[in-house]
Every structure is written in structure tokens, then in C-alpha cells.
């Protein structure tokens, strides 16, 4: 069972129980010298833990009300797709903490001590079909990350609507979100790759040099994970298992 499958299962846990802090798939110092140990410890043990605790508190409030118990039975990823059904009293908390919980688990899996290099296979072909090649994609993604004003994320997503109209090989998009919003909140967008450009993700090592941080991110990017996410999004993973 791949880590992606395990992660998806954890995000789909019924909110009838407290959600755990997802463990890192590597040691805190494993991404050095590109991403430093101090940053990884603060990012995971402080920020991701805080999102986890805040989200669990909001989920308990949903469980306490008969009219919202059905929401508490959704996985976090599904809940973020149905924010309009969440009571206004906890909607902002679910949006921010739930997004932070999901985004950080996703982001940490985007990196690996054995990262870097280039993608291959179907994802490589899709990057060529959608952007003209890996180099053009990296330039567009880097620009999107640099242009996020304040705190937020840059993403590579699979656009299910575009795939239905023009085929999977040209359905990749680069987008950005503010704060802890996630492409999951927008119908039909499946996140494949994301970079956290909140200052807490890079300020201890890179200070205000966001571009240097993004360059270091490419050096630890876990392309096999992104390739697996693309295979799942397109249904190729299921076909291979038959």
C-alpha cells in the first residue's frame, strides 16, 4: 500500500474521532541542506499540530449538534468541498484549520530526501501537453509561488473538466490559493503538487528570499509521489491494478 493511499484513507477518517497529526515520512533533518531541520520541526510540530488541534475542536462542535452530525461523518477532504453546509459559527475555523491540516500533510509528502530530478512517463507527457515541457512548467509554477501576496500556496492541479473536454494529457493547470485554501474547495480540481509559501515555511533559513526557498524545493521534490497522484487522478493506477 502506497503512502498516498494511506494518506487518503487518513483524510477520509470519520470525524467521529479525533484526527491524528500525520507523521513525517522522513527525519526532520533529512531534507538538509535544502530545507533545514529547525524549520521542519517548527513547521510540523508547531504549525501542523496547531491546525490539527483546532480542527479537532471544531469537529467536536459539529458532533455535538444533531443537525450537523452528518458533517462530522465526512472525511476532512469531503468536508472542505461542502463548506456551504457548515454552520457559520465554525465555518471559518473548518476552512482554515481543515485546509491547513490537509495542505500540510500533502505538502510534506511532496518532498523526499531522494527528491529532485525529473518526472517520467504519463506525467512527463502531460506536462509537455499542458505547458510545453518541464522547464516551462517550472517557470510558471515558480512565478505563481512568487506572486502569492502574503500567505498562501501555489499548486499543480489536474482539471477534471478540461480532461473530459480535451483529454488527460492537456488537463494540468497551475493555480494559487490564499491562506490555507485548497484546490479541493473548487469543484473538479485535483491537487498533484503544492508548495507552502507562508513565511513560516522558509523564514528561518531563507529569511525573505522566497525565490531561494522555491529553488531549494525543486531539489527535494518527490516526483514519484506526484506521478502516483497523477495516475490516481486519471484512473491509470486502478487500471494497472486490474
Foldseek 3Di string as FASTA:
>chain_A
DDVVVVLVVLLFAQLVDQRDQDDQPDQLCLLPPLAHSVLSCCVRVPQLVVLSVLLNVLLVVLCVDPVRVVLSGGGLLVNLQPLVPDDPVCSVSSQQSSLSNSVVVQASVQFDSPAADDADDLVQQLCCQAQNGDVRVLVVQLVQLVPQPAWWKKFWWFAQVCCVVPNRSHRIDIDIDHRSHDCSNPPRIGTLHMDTNHCSNPCVPCNPPSSSSSVSSNRGGDNVSSVVSSCVVVVVVVVVVD
